[in-house]
Amino acid sequence: LILIFKQWYQRRVRGLLHMYPNMLPKVQVDKGAIKFVLSGAHIMCPGLTSPGAKLPEDCLPSDTPVSVHAEGKENALAIGHMKMSSDDIKSINKGVGIDNVHYLNDGLWRIDL
């Protein structure tokens, strides 16, 4: 079952996100957050509101899946799940804003066939 899921995942989800980078709403973290996101940490609000970070102009509601990009990088480094709306992230600017669901080189990424 894991083998089937891995094959589907690699061909579909990861491939689709790189082929169609606009399939999920984009958020961008600042350079200081990159090492934490790639370690599996959830994305904190200050990393989404500081200079170098970008949130969409339109309000993203909570529970929205998003692709997480890094300042100065082309491809997504993670897939996340909005824990609070983008308007709340901007106004509260404290705590976890996005749950990190999957990131580059995590355990799922490295499963060998």
N, C-alpha and C. Protein backbone atom coordinates (compact mmCIF):
# COMPACT_ATOMS: atom_id res chain seq x y z
N LEU A 1 0.82 -1.19 0.00
CA LEU A 1 0.00 0.00 0.00
C LEU A 1 0.87 1.26 0.00
N ILE A 2 1.93 1.25 0.81
CA ILE A 2 2.82 2.41 0.86
C ILE A 2 3.48 2.62 -0.49
N LEU A 3 3.87 1.52 -1.14
CA LEU A 3 4.51 1.60 -2.44
C LEU A 3 3.58 2.23 -3.48
N ILE A 4 2.33 1.82 -3.47
CA ILE A 4 1.35 2.37 -4.41
C ILE A 4 1.14 3.86 -4.14
N PHE A 5 1.00 4.22 -2.86
CA PHE A 5 0.81 5.62 -2.51
C PHE A 5 2.01 6.45 -2.92
N LYS A 6 3.23 5.93 -2.67
CA LYS A 6 4.45 6.66 -3.03
C LYS A 6 4.51 6.93 -4.53
N GLN A 7 4.20 5.92 -5.33
CA GLN A 7 4.23 6.11 -6.78
C GLN A 7 3.19 7.14 -7.21
N TRP A 8 1.99 7.03 -6.67
CA TRP A 8 0.94 8.00 -7.00
C TRP A 8 1.36 9.40 -6.57
N TYR A 9 1.89 9.50 -5.35
CA TYR A 9 2.27 10.80 -4.80
C TYR A 9 3.35 11.46 -5.65
N GLN A 10 4.41 10.71 -5.94
CA GLN A 10 5.52 11.30 -6.70
C GLN A 10 5.06 11.78 -8.07
N ARG A 11 4.25 11.02 -8.72
CA ARG A 11 3.82 11.39 -10.07
C ARG A 11 2.74 12.45 -10.07
N ARG A 12 1.90 12.45 -9.09
CA ARG A 12 0.75 13.32 -9.10
C ARG A 12 0.96 14.61 -8.32
N VAL A 13 1.07 14.49 -7.01
CA VAL A 13 1.07 15.68 -6.16
C VAL A 13 2.33 16.52 -6.36
N ARG A 14 3.49 15.92 -6.13
CA ARG A 14 4.72 16.68 -6.24
C ARG A 14 4.92 17.15 -7.68
N GLY A 15 4.69 16.25 -8.64
CA GLY A 15 4.84 16.61 -10.04
C GLY A 15 3.87 17.70 -10.46
N LEU A 16 2.64 17.59 -10.01
CA LEU A 16 1.64 18.59 -10.37
C LEU A 16 1.97 19.96 -9.79
N LEU A 17 2.45 19.98 -8.56
CA LEU A 17 2.77 21.26 -7.94
C LEU A 17 3.93 21.94 -8.66
N HIS A 18 4.88 21.17 -9.15
CA HIS A 18 5.99 21.77 -9.90
C HIS A 18 5.58 22.12 -11.32
N MET A 19 4.71 21.30 -11.92
CA MET A 19 4.24 21.59 -13.28
C MET A 19 3.24 22.73 -13.29
N TYR A 20 2.38 22.77 -12.29
CA TYR A 20 1.33 23.79 -12.20
C TYR A 20 1.46 24.52 -10.86
N PRO A 21 2.41 25.44 -10.75
CA PRO A 21 2.67 26.07 -9.46
C PRO A 21 1.52 26.92 -8.93
N ASN A 22 0.53 27.22 -9.76
CA ASN A 22 -0.60 28.03 -9.30
C ASN A 22 -1.82 27.20 -8.92
N MET A 23 -1.66 25.88 -8.81
CA MET A 23 -2.82 25.04 -8.46
C MET A 23 -3.26 25.24 -7.01
N LEU A 24 -2.37 25.67 -6.16
CA LEU A 24 -2.70 26.01 -4.78
C LEU A 24 -2.38 27.48 -4.55
N PRO A 25 -3.09 28.14 -3.66
CA PRO A 25 -2.73 29.52 -3.35
C PRO A 25 -1.29 29.56 -2.80
N LYS A 26 -0.56 30.61 -3.16
CA LYS A 26 0.83 30.74 -2.74
C LYS A 26 0.96 31.66 -1.55
N VAL A 27 1.81 31.26 -0.63
CA VAL A 27 2.28 32.16 0.42
C VAL A 27 3.80 32.12 0.36
N GLN A 28 4.44 33.17 0.82
CA GLN A 28 5.90 33.22 0.78
C GLN A 28 6.43 33.56 2.16
N VAL A 29 7.41 32.78 2.59
CA VAL A 29 8.06 33.06 3.87
C VAL A 29 9.36 33.83 3.62
N ASP A 30 9.83 34.52 4.63
CA ASP A 30 11.09 35.25 4.50
C ASP A 30 12.27 34.27 4.58
N LYS A 31 13.46 34.77 4.26
CA LYS A 31 14.66 33.92 4.23
C LYS A 31 14.97 33.28 5.58
N GLY A 32 14.65 33.96 6.65
CA GLY A 32 14.92 33.44 7.99
C GLY A 32 14.10 32.22 8.36
N ALA A 33 12.98 32.02 7.69
CA ALA A 33 12.10 30.90 8.02
C ALA A 33 12.44 29.62 7.25
N ILE A 34 13.25 29.73 6.20
CA ILE A 34 13.51 28.58 5.32
C ILE A 34 14.04 27.38 6.08
N LYS A 35 15.07 27.56 6.89
CA LYS A 35 15.68 26.41 7.58
C LYS A 35 14.70 25.75 8.55
N PHE A 36 13.81 26.54 9.14
CA PHE A 36 12.83 25.98 10.07
C PHE A 36 11.75 25.19 9.32
N VAL A 37 11.28 25.73 8.20
CA VAL A 37 10.26 25.04 7.41
C VAL A 37 10.82 23.73 6.88
N LEU A 38 12.07 23.73 6.41
CA LEU A 38 12.70 22.51 5.90
C LEU A 38 13.04 21.52 7.00
N SER A 39 12.93 21.94 8.25
CA SER A 39 13.10 21.02 9.38
C SER A 39 11.76 20.47 9.86
N GLY A 40 10.67 20.91 9.23
CA GLY A 40 9.35 20.41 9.58
C GLY A 40 8.55 21.30 10.51
N ALA A 41 9.09 22.45 10.86
CA ALA A 41 8.37 23.34 11.78
C ALA A 41 7.16 23.96 11.10
N HIS A 42 6.14 24.23 11.90
CA HIS A 42 4.99 24.96 11.40
C HIS A 42 5.41 26.40 11.13
N ILE A 43 4.68 27.08 10.27
CA ILE A 43 5.05 28.43 9.86
C ILE A 43 4.37 29.44 10.79
N MET A 44 5.19 30.23 11.43
CA MET A 44 4.70 31.22 12.39
C MET A 44 4.27 32.49 11.66
N CYS A 45 3.34 33.20 12.24
CA CYS A 45 2.81 34.44 11.64
C CYS A 45 3.90 35.47 11.32
N PRO A 46 4.87 35.72 12.23
CA PRO A 46 5.89 36.72 11.89
C PRO A 46 6.69 36.37 10.63
N GLY A 47 6.86 35.08 10.33
CA GLY A 47 7.56 34.67 9.11
C GLY A 47 6.75 34.90 7.86
N LEU A 48 5.47 35.20 8.02
CA LEU A 48 4.58 35.46 6.89
C LEU A 48 4.26 36.94 6.71
N THR A 49 4.63 37.75 7.70
CA THR A 49 4.29 39.18 7.63
C THR A 49 5.52 40.09 7.59
N SER A 50 6.69 39.53 7.76
CA SER A 50 7.91 40.34 7.77
C SER A 50 8.31 40.74 6.35
N PRO A 51 9.25 41.67 6.20
CA PRO A 51 9.72 42.02 4.85
C PRO A 51 10.31 40.79 4.17
N GLY A 52 9.98 40.59 2.93
CA GLY A 52 10.42 39.41 2.20
C GLY A 52 9.35 38.33 2.14
N ALA A 53 8.39 38.38 3.03
CA ALA A 53 7.28 37.43 3.03
C ALA A 53 6.09 38.04 2.28
N LYS A 54 5.23 37.16 1.75
CA LYS A 54 4.05 37.65 1.02
C LYS A 54 2.85 36.77 1.33
N LEU A 55 1.75 37.42 1.57
CA LEU A 55 0.45 36.75 1.68
C LEU A 55 -0.41 37.27 0.53
N PRO A 56 -1.34 36.48 0.03
CA PRO A 56 -2.19 36.96 -1.07
C PRO A 56 -3.00 38.19 -0.68
N GLU A 57 -3.30 39.00 -1.67
CA GLU A 57 -4.13 40.19 -1.44
C GLU A 57 -5.53 39.80 -0.96
N ASP A 58 -6.10 38.77 -1.59
CA ASP A 58 -7.42 38.29 -1.18
C ASP A 58 -7.29 37.50 0.11
N CYS A 59 -8.31 37.54 0.91
CA CYS A 59 -8.30 36.80 2.18
C CYS A 59 -8.40 35.30 1.92
N LEU A 60 -7.47 34.55 2.46
CA LEU A 60 -7.54 33.09 2.43
C LEU A 60 -8.17 32.64 3.73
N PRO A 61 -9.24 31.86 3.67
CA PRO A 61 -9.86 31.40 4.92
C PRO A 61 -9.01 30.34 5.60
N SER A 62 -9.26 30.11 6.87
CA SER A 62 -8.56 29.03 7.56
C SER A 62 -8.97 27.71 6.91
N ASP A 63 -8.17 26.69 7.10
CA ASP A 63 -8.35 25.35 6.54
C ASP A 63 -8.10 25.28 5.04
N THR A 64 -7.48 26.30 4.44
CA THR A 64 -7.16 26.28 3.02
C THR A 64 -5.77 25.66 2.82
N PRO A 65 -5.63 24.68 1.91
CA PRO A 65 -4.28 24.18 1.60
C PRO A 65 -3.53 25.22 0.78
N VAL A 66 -2.23 25.38 1.05
CA VAL A 66 -1.42 26.37 0.35
C VAL A 66 -0.06 25.78 0.00
N SER A 67 0.56 26.34 -1.04
CA SER A 67 1.96 26.01 -1.32
C SER A 67 2.81 27.10 -0.68
N VAL A 68 3.84 26.67 0.01
CA VAL A 68 4.70 27.58 0.74
C VAL A 68 5.98 27.77 -0.07
N HIS A 69 6.23 29.00 -0.47
CA HIS A 69 7.43 29.34 -1.24
C HIS A 69 8.36 30.15 -0.36
N ALA A 70 9.62 30.20 -0.75
CA ALA A 70 10.61 30.95 0.01
C ALA A 70 11.05 32.17 -0.77
N GLU A 71 11.39 33.19 -0.05
CA GLU A 71 11.89 34.42 -0.65
C GLU A 71 13.10 34.10 -1.52
N GLY A 72 13.03 34.47 -2.80
CA GLY A 72 14.14 34.27 -3.71
C GLY A 72 14.20 32.90 -4.35
N LYS A 73 13.25 32.01 -4.09
CA LYS A 73 13.25 30.67 -4.65
C LYS A 73 12.07 30.50 -5.60
N GLU A 74 12.24 29.64 -6.60
CA GLU A 74 11.21 29.48 -7.63
C GLU A 74 10.15 28.45 -7.25
N ASN A 75 10.58 27.29 -6.75
CA ASN A 75 9.65 26.20 -6.45
C ASN A 75 9.21 26.21 -5.00
N ALA A 76 8.10 25.56 -4.75
CA ALA A 76 7.57 25.46 -3.38
C ALA A 76 8.51 24.62 -2.52
N LEU A 77 8.63 24.97 -1.25
CA LEU A 77 9.43 24.17 -0.35
C LEU A 77 8.56 23.38 0.62
N ALA A 78 7.26 23.66 0.63
CA ALA A 78 6.36 22.94 1.52
C ALA A 78 4.91 23.08 1.05
N ILE A 79 4.09 22.20 1.57
CA ILE A 79 2.64 22.29 1.42
C ILE A 79 2.08 22.45 2.82
N GLY A 80 1.23 23.43 2.99
CA GLY A 80 0.71 23.70 4.32
C GLY A 80 -0.79 23.81 4.35
N HIS A 81 -1.29 23.98 5.54
CA HIS A 81 -2.73 24.06 5.81
C HIS A 81 -2.94 25.29 6.70
N MET A 82 -3.68 26.26 6.19
CA MET A 82 -3.90 27.50 6.93
C MET A 82 -4.59 27.22 8.27
N LYS A 83 -3.95 27.61 9.33
CA LYS A 83 -4.53 27.43 10.66
C LYS A 83 -5.44 28.59 11.03
N MET A 84 -5.16 29.76 10.45
CA MET A 84 -6.01 30.94 10.62
C MET A 84 -6.09 31.66 9.28
N SER A 85 -7.04 32.51 9.11
CA SER A 85 -7.19 33.22 7.84
C SER A 85 -6.01 34.16 7.63
N SER A 86 -5.78 34.55 6.38
CA SER A 86 -4.67 35.46 6.10
C SER A 86 -4.89 36.83 6.73
N ASP A 87 -6.14 37.25 6.83
CA ASP A 87 -6.42 38.52 7.51
C ASP A 87 -6.07 38.44 9.00
N ASP A 88 -6.38 37.30 9.62
CA ASP A 88 -6.02 37.09 11.03
C ASP A 88 -4.51 37.04 11.21
N ILE A 89 -3.81 36.41 10.26
CA ILE A 89 -2.35 36.35 10.34
C ILE A 89 -1.78 37.75 10.34
N LYS A 90 -2.31 38.61 9.45
CA LYS A 90 -1.81 39.99 9.36
C LYS A 90 -2.13 40.79 10.62
N SER A 91 -3.32 40.62 11.17
CA SER A 91 -3.72 41.45 12.31
C SER A 91 -3.19 40.93 13.64
N ILE A 92 -3.22 39.62 13.85
CA ILE A 92 -2.75 39.06 15.12
C ILE A 92 -1.23 38.97 15.15
N ASN A 93 -0.64 38.49 14.06
CA ASN A 93 0.81 38.39 13.88
C ASN A 93 1.51 37.69 15.05
N LYS A 94 0.90 36.62 15.51
CA LYS A 94 1.44 35.87 16.65
C LYS A 94 0.98 34.43 16.55
N GLY A 95 1.85 33.49 16.86
CA GLY A 95 1.49 32.08 16.87
C GLY A 95 1.65 31.41 15.52
N VAL A 96 1.14 30.18 15.43
CA VAL A 96 1.24 29.39 14.21
C VAL A 96 0.19 29.85 13.21
N GLY A 97 0.63 30.20 12.00
CA GLY A 97 -0.30 30.62 10.96
C GLY A 97 -0.63 29.51 9.99
N ILE A 98 0.36 28.63 9.72
CA ILE A 98 0.18 27.54 8.76
C ILE A 98 0.79 26.27 9.33
N ASP A 99 0.02 25.18 9.31
CA ASP A 99 0.55 23.88 9.68
C ASP A 99 1.35 23.33 8.51
N ASN A 100 2.56 22.90 8.76
CA ASN A 100 3.43 22.32 7.74
C ASN A 100 3.03 20.85 7.57
N VAL A 101 2.43 20.53 6.43
CA VAL A 101 1.95 19.18 6.17
C VAL A 101 3.02 18.33 5.50
N HIS A 102 3.75 18.92 4.56
CA HIS A 102 4.76 18.19 3.80
C HIS A 102 5.83 19.18 3.35
N TYR A 103 7.08 18.81 3.46
CA TYR A 103 8.17 19.70 3.07
C TYR A 103 9.23 18.90 2.31
N LEU A 104 10.08 19.60 1.60
CA LEU A 104 11.14 18.95 0.82
C LEU A 104 12.02 18.10 1.72
N ASN A 105 12.30 16.89 1.25
CA ASN A 105 13.18 15.93 1.93
C ASN A 105 12.64 15.41 3.25
N ASP A 106 11.32 15.45 3.46
CA ASP A 106 10.79 14.81 4.66
C ASP A 106 10.73 13.30 4.44
N GLY A 107 10.21 12.56 5.39
CA GLY A 107 10.20 11.10 5.30
C GLY A 107 9.45 10.59 4.08
N LEU A 108 8.35 11.20 3.73
CA LEU A 108 7.59 10.76 2.56
C LEU A 108 8.36 11.01 1.28
N TRP A 109 9.09 12.12 1.23
CA TRP A 109 9.87 12.47 0.05
C TRP A 109 10.97 11.42 -0.19
N ARG A 110 11.57 10.91 0.90
CA ARG A 110 12.74 10.06 0.79
C ARG A 110 12.44 8.57 0.72
N ILE A 111 11.18 8.15 0.71
CA ILE A 111 10.87 6.73 0.62
C ILE A 111 11.38 6.20 -0.71
N ASP A 112 12.21 5.16 -0.65
CA ASP A 112 12.72 4.54 -1.86
C ASP A 112 11.80 3.43 -2.32
N LEU A 113 11.70 3.28 -3.63
CA LEU A 113 10.88 2.20 -4.18
C LEU A 113 11.63 0.90 -4.15
